[in-house]
Every structure is written in C-alpha cells, then in structure tokens.
Amino acid sequence: MKIAKFNGKGEIFYTIQGEGKSLGKPTVFIRSSLCNLHCIWCDTDYTWNWKNTPYPHVFDQTPGYEKYDKKEQIVELSTAQIIEEVEPYACKNLVLTGGEPFLQQKAWVELMAQLRKKDAGYWFEVETNGTLLPSSEFDALIDQYNVSPKLENSNNSMKIREKPEVYAFFRQSPKAWFKFVIAQQADLEEVLALIKKYDLPSHKVYLMPEGTTPEQLKAKQLWLVEQCKQYGFHYTDRLHIHIYGSKRGV
C-alpha cells in the first residue's frame, strides 16, 4: 500500500480522533497517500500536490513552500509491515485516512481482514471525500464512514467533487456520517442545498469550522454553533488543533 511518508516511516500514529462522530476517541490513524481531488486549502497536500502539477494551494505565496517530490512522500508498505506498526498500540480503533483511502480499497480490504482474524474487536473507520463508491468487500468490513464532501471553496469543479450516485449510496448507509467544512455563510447555504438535493438526514450531519489554528477555529465557533442549533445539525471542532496545533503525526 502507498502510505504517506513521515520521518522516514509510514505515517501511522496513535492519538485521539479530533473531528466528527468519534471526537475524543483514542484512535490509531493510518494515512495513505494519493488523492483524486486537489483542495486549495488542504492540510495534507503532501499526499497529492506533486511537482509539475497545475493545482493551486493557499500556501503558494508562503516563503519556502513548494510542491512535493512524489517519490519522497510515499513509502510502500506490505500488509504485514502495517500490522507490525499497528499491533503494539493498545487500541483497536483504526481510522483509514489520506489522501483518499478509496483509491486503494483492495489493499485496505486485505489489511482489515487480517487484523480481524487476529482480533475481532478491531473497529474500522474511513475518512473519504465522498466521490468514490466502496466495493462490497470494503463495505462489509468498514464500521463507520466519515464522509466529508467538498464544497465550492475547495476549488474543485462540481463535476469531480459532486457525484450523485455516491451521495445516494452514503445516504442509505447506516454506517455513514457527513461532515462539512464551513468558512462563511456561502458555504452554509451550499450545504443546505446539498442536504435538500440528496435528502441527507440532519441528525447525521456535522458542521466544522475551517481553520488550522485555535484562533481561526474559535472565530467561527459561536456563529456555527447557532447554525447547528437552528438546523438540527451536530457541531464538531478540530480538537487535535487545540491540543497539538497543526502538526503531523498527532
């Protein structure tokens, strides 16, 4: 499997879930590389923003920032190697993240199946941008889908970010929860339109403020909480940012 490289190893780490339905839960994250979208504000752009690609990023004007060398940002790990990294942690809650994990479903299926053989207590969540359908084998092993559809503010075209058949699948799945990143009123209006268009249940919708610092998140908190109260949504913060800051491996 293609895993994001961090400190010379695969980016596999034990922390707490900072967002969404499982916020606060001790969790082991496995971060795969590669993504089929190119969000302009992405904070894991080292999984896709390769040299000689045309995609813009908010950090483009930051001194010293440059696109990544693909071969230096990916480590190929076998299922056995990933299990060797995961097993020592006293935690059975795993989050498959990225990038976009659905690009490597076959490898994930093999990993989840082998871990379940070792211990039936493993719980698997996957974080996805909601543009790709899971295979039947993948769906059978996953316990929870954390679906984070991208909005116009991501700078992805509607053609690639909004897939009606994928919305329809997750709408009917009891395992799926939806999380939308909100920066301003226009984002909220877009989310309300998507919820109406695809008949998403309000009790399965989370709104999260956009930001990579505690100050940016707090600036939107009160307003966004009031929107959640008005429409019956859940509010989710980015707890890991408040605890650790915007860092990798936590």
Protein backbone atom coordinates (compact mmCIF):
# COMPACT_ATOMS: atom_id res chain seq x y z
CA MET A 1 0.00 0.00 0.00
CA LYS A 2 1.12 3.55 -0.70
CA ILE A 3 1.42 5.28 2.69
CA ALA A 4 2.35 8.90 3.35
CA LYS A 5 5.98 9.07 4.46
CA PHE A 6 6.78 10.84 7.72
CA ASN A 7 10.18 10.88 9.45
CA GLY A 8 11.36 8.16 7.11
CA LYS A 9 8.49 5.81 8.02
CA GLY A 10 4.84 5.36 7.21
CA GLU A 11 2.53 7.94 8.81
CA ILE A 12 0.87 5.61 11.33
CA PHE A 13 0.23 7.12 14.74
CA TYR A 14 -1.80 6.81 17.94
CA THR A 15 -3.76 9.85 19.08
CA ILE A 16 -7.38 10.89 19.63
CA GLN A 17 -9.94 11.43 16.90
CA GLY A 18 -10.21 15.20 16.58
CA GLU A 19 -13.33 15.53 14.42
CA GLY A 20 -16.82 14.22 13.83
CA LYS A 21 -18.86 11.48 15.45
CA SER A 22 -15.92 9.81 17.21
CA LEU A 23 -14.36 13.03 18.52
CA GLY A 24 -12.19 12.35 21.56
CA LYS A 25 -11.89 8.60 20.99
CA PRO A 26 -8.35 7.14 21.25
CA THR A 27 -7.51 6.09 17.71
CA VAL A 28 -4.72 4.74 15.53
CA PHE A 29 -4.52 6.61 12.21
CA ILE A 30 -3.09 5.11 9.03
CA ARG A 31 -2.56 7.81 6.42
CA SER A 32 -2.49 6.61 2.84
CA SER A 33 -1.07 8.71 0.04
CA LEU A 34 -2.76 9.81 -3.23
CA CYS A 35 -5.98 11.76 -3.74
CA ASN A 36 -8.40 12.27 -6.63
CA LEU A 37 -9.20 15.86 -5.56
CA HIS A 38 -6.94 18.89 -5.05
CA CYS A 39 -8.43 21.13 -2.37
CA ILE A 40 -6.82 24.55 -2.34
CA TRP A 41 -6.75 24.68 1.48
CA CYS A 42 -5.80 21.02 2.08
CA ASP A 43 -3.61 20.49 5.15
CA THR A 44 -2.37 17.10 3.92
CA ASP A 45 -1.32 18.26 0.46
CA TYR A 46 1.87 16.22 0.77
CA THR A 47 -0.35 13.29 -0.31
CA TRP A 48 -1.11 14.73 -3.77
CA ASN A 49 0.41 18.16 -4.56
CA TRP A 50 3.26 16.88 -6.69
CA LYS A 51 5.83 18.87 -8.62
CA ASN A 52 4.84 19.74 -12.19
CA THR A 53 1.10 19.57 -11.41
CA PRO A 54 -1.08 22.65 -12.03
CA TYR A 55 -3.11 22.70 -8.83
CA PRO A 56 -3.05 25.94 -6.78
CA HIS A 57 -2.74 25.97 -2.99
CA VAL A 58 -3.21 28.67 -0.38
CA PHE A 59 0.42 28.19 0.69
CA ASP A 60 1.76 29.05 -2.77
CA GLN A 61 2.65 32.56 -1.63
CA THR A 62 4.27 31.38 1.60
CA PRO A 63 8.06 31.80 1.51
CA GLY A 64 9.77 28.44 1.17
CA TYR A 65 6.67 26.50 0.18
CA GLU A 66 6.90 24.34 -2.93
CA LYS A 67 5.15 21.35 -4.40
CA TYR A 68 6.30 17.93 -3.24
CA ASP A 69 8.53 15.35 -4.87
CA LYS A 70 6.20 12.36 -5.14
CA LYS A 71 8.88 9.71 -4.67
CA GLU A 72 10.00 11.35 -1.43
CA GLN A 73 6.50 11.49 0.09
CA ILE A 74 5.39 7.88 -0.34
CA VAL A 75 6.51 4.67 1.31
CA GLU A 76 5.30 1.29 0.03
CA LEU A 77 4.32 -0.98 2.93
CA SER A 78 3.03 -4.54 2.82
CA THR A 79 0.05 -5.64 4.87
CA ALA A 80 2.40 -7.43 7.26
CA GLN A 81 4.51 -4.29 7.73
CA ILE A 82 1.45 -2.17 8.53
CA ILE A 83 0.18 -4.74 11.01
CA GLU A 84 3.60 -4.74 12.66
CA GLU A 85 3.24 -0.97 13.17
CA VAL A 86 -0.37 -1.13 14.38
CA GLU A 87 -0.38 -4.11 16.77
CA PRO A 88 1.84 -2.65 19.54
CA TYR A 89 -0.70 0.12 20.21
CA ALA A 90 -3.18 -0.71 22.98
CA CYS A 91 -6.03 0.46 20.77
CA LYS A 92 -8.42 -1.35 18.44
CA ASN A 93 -9.98 1.76 16.88
CA LEU A 94 -8.41 2.41 13.48
CA VAL A 95 -9.04 5.29 11.09
CA LEU A 96 -8.12 4.81 7.45
CA THR A 97 -7.33 8.27 6.16
CA GLY A 98 -5.44 10.07 3.43
CA GLY A 99 -5.31 11.48 0.85
CA GLU A 100 -8.30 9.49 -0.38
CA PRO A 101 -8.29 5.95 1.03
CA PHE A 102 -10.85 4.68 -1.51
CA LEU A 103 -8.13 4.76 -4.18
CA GLN A 104 -6.52 1.69 -2.55
CA GLN A 105 -9.52 -0.38 -1.48
CA LYS A 106 -8.08 -3.78 -2.32
CA ALA A 107 -5.09 -3.23 -0.03
CA TRP A 108 -7.32 -1.93 2.77
CA VAL A 109 -9.58 -5.00 2.48
CA GLU A 110 -6.59 -7.29 2.92
CA LEU A 111 -5.38 -5.29 5.93
CA MET A 112 -8.77 -5.16 7.66
CA ALA A 113 -9.46 -8.85 7.05
CA GLN A 114 -6.12 -9.91 8.52
CA LEU A 115 -6.49 -7.66 11.57
CA ARG A 116 -10.00 -9.01 12.22
CA LYS A 117 -8.64 -12.56 12.08
CA LYS A 118 -6.19 -11.60 14.79
CA ASP A 119 -8.77 -9.79 16.92
CA ALA A 120 -12.49 -9.47 16.19
CA GLY A 121 -12.55 -6.34 18.33
CA TYR A 122 -10.99 -4.09 15.71
CA TRP A 123 -13.18 -1.14 14.70
CA PHE A 124 -12.55 0.47 11.32
CA GLU A 125 -13.49 3.99 10.28
CA VAL A 126 -12.61 5.53 6.94
CA GLU A 127 -12.39 9.22 6.07
CA THR A 128 -13.45 9.89 2.49
CA ASN A 129 -14.27 12.86 0.28
CA GLY A 130 -17.44 11.15 -0.89
CA THR A 131 -16.63 10.91 -4.61
CA LEU A 132 -15.93 7.17 -4.92
CA LEU A 133 -18.06 4.12 -4.18
CA PRO A 134 -16.83 1.37 -1.86
CA SER A 135 -16.59 -2.18 -3.14
CA SER A 136 -18.85 -4.76 -1.50
CA GLU A 137 -15.81 -6.32 0.21
CA PHE A 138 -14.71 -2.96 1.60
CA ASP A 139 -18.22 -2.09 2.75
CA ALA A 140 -18.58 -5.40 4.59
CA LEU A 141 -15.51 -4.69 6.74
CA ILE A 142 -15.96 -0.96 7.48
CA ASP A 143 -17.78 0.06 10.67
CA GLN A 144 -18.11 3.79 10.02
CA TYR A 145 -17.85 6.14 7.05
CA ASN A 146 -16.77 9.69 7.85
CA VAL A 147 -17.87 11.38 4.63
CA SER A 148 -16.52 14.89 4.06
CA PRO A 149 -17.91 16.19 0.75
CA LYS A 150 -16.02 19.14 -0.67
CA LEU A 151 -17.69 22.47 -1.43
CA GLU A 152 -17.02 25.17 -4.00
CA ASN A 153 -14.46 26.71 -1.60
CA SER A 154 -12.21 23.68 -2.20
CA ASN A 155 -11.51 24.90 -5.75
CA ASN A 156 -12.53 21.53 -7.20
CA SER A 157 -15.02 21.65 -10.07
CA MET A 158 -18.55 20.41 -9.38
CA LYS A 159 -18.01 17.66 -11.96
CA ILE A 160 -15.31 15.98 -9.86
CA ARG A 161 -16.43 16.89 -6.32
CA GLU A 162 -20.16 16.04 -6.52
CA LYS A 163 -21.16 12.51 -7.53
CA PRO A 164 -24.93 11.87 -7.18
CA GLU A 165 -24.57 8.08 -7.11
CA VAL A 166 -22.07 8.32 -4.26
CA TYR A 167 -24.30 10.66 -2.26
CA ALA A 168 -27.14 8.17 -2.82
CA PHE A 169 -25.06 5.27 -1.51
CA PHE A 170 -23.97 7.05 1.65
CA ARG A 171 -27.46 8.48 2.19
CA GLN A 172 -28.81 4.95 2.61
CA SER A 173 -25.87 3.52 4.55
CA PRO A 174 -26.42 3.26 8.33
CA LYS A 175 -22.64 3.49 8.70
CA ALA A 176 -22.27 6.93 7.08
CA TRP A 177 -22.00 10.36 8.72
CA PHE A 178 -21.48 13.62 6.85
CA LYS A 179 -19.04 16.38 7.83
CA PHE A 180 -18.89 19.74 6.06
CA VAL A 181 -16.14 22.33 6.49
CA ILE A 182 -17.61 25.82 6.84
CA ALA A 183 -15.73 29.09 6.46
CA GLN A 184 -18.53 31.55 5.69
CA GLN A 185 -22.26 31.98 5.08
CA ALA A 186 -21.99 30.97 1.42
CA ASP A 187 -20.61 27.57 2.50
CA LEU A 188 -23.56 27.01 4.81
CA GLU A 189 -26.02 27.87 2.05
CA GLU A 190 -24.27 25.40 -0.25
CA VAL A 191 -24.51 22.68 2.41
CA LEU A 192 -28.22 23.35 2.95
CA ALA A 193 -28.78 23.00 -0.79
CA LEU A 194 -26.88 19.67 -0.87
CA ILE A 195 -28.82 18.35 2.10
CA LYS A 196 -32.09 19.17 0.36
CA LYS A 197 -30.93 17.83 -3.02
CA TYR A 198 -29.79 14.47 -1.65
CA ASP A 199 -32.21 14.23 1.30
CA LEU A 200 -29.45 13.89 3.88
CA PRO A 201 -30.74 13.33 7.44
CA SER A 202 -29.93 16.34 9.63
CA HIS A 203 -29.04 14.15 12.64
CA LYS A 204 -26.18 12.64 10.60
CA VAL A 205 -24.70 15.99 9.54
CA TYR A 206 -21.75 17.67 11.27
CA LEU A 207 -20.60 21.23 10.64
CA MET A 208 -16.95 22.02 11.32
CA PRO A 209 -15.23 25.42 11.24
CA GLU A 210 -12.44 25.84 8.71
CA GLY A 211 -9.07 26.66 10.23
CA THR A 212 -5.62 25.35 11.12
CA THR A 213 -5.09 27.40 14.30
CA PRO A 214 -7.14 27.61 17.51
CA GLU A 215 -7.73 31.30 16.81
CA GLN A 216 -9.18 30.64 13.35
CA LEU A 217 -11.47 27.93 14.73
CA LYS A 218 -12.67 29.99 17.68
CA ALA A 219 -13.50 32.93 15.41
CA LYS A 220 -16.20 30.80 13.75
CA GLN A 221 -17.38 28.79 16.75
CA LEU A 222 -20.25 30.84 18.12
CA TRP A 223 -21.75 31.55 14.71
CA LEU A 224 -21.50 27.92 13.59
CA VAL A 225 -22.94 26.54 16.84
CA GLU A 226 -26.00 28.75 16.35
CA GLN A 227 -26.44 27.36 12.83
CA CYS A 228 -26.30 23.82 14.20
CA LYS A 229 -28.95 24.71 16.78
CA GLN A 230 -31.16 26.24 14.10
CA TYR A 231 -30.98 23.34 11.65
CA GLY A 232 -30.56 20.38 14.00
CA PHE A 233 -27.00 19.54 12.94
CA HIS A 234 -24.08 18.44 15.11
CA TYR A 235 -21.21 20.82 15.74
CA THR A 236 -17.71 19.40 15.60
CA ASP A 237 -14.48 21.17 16.38
CA ARG A 238 -10.96 20.16 15.38
CA LEU A 239 -9.87 19.03 18.83
CA HIS A 240 -6.38 17.96 17.77
CA ILE A 241 -5.62 21.51 16.60
CA HIS A 242 -6.47 22.89 20.06
CA ILE A 243 -4.36 20.24 21.78
CA TYR A 244 -1.35 19.81 19.49
CA GLY A 245 -1.50 22.58 16.91
CA SER A 246 -1.36 21.93 13.16
CA LYS A 247 1.22 19.11 13.22
CA ARG A 248 1.72 15.77 11.58
CA GLY A 249 1.77 12.51 13.49
CA VAL A 250 -0.67 13.62 16.20
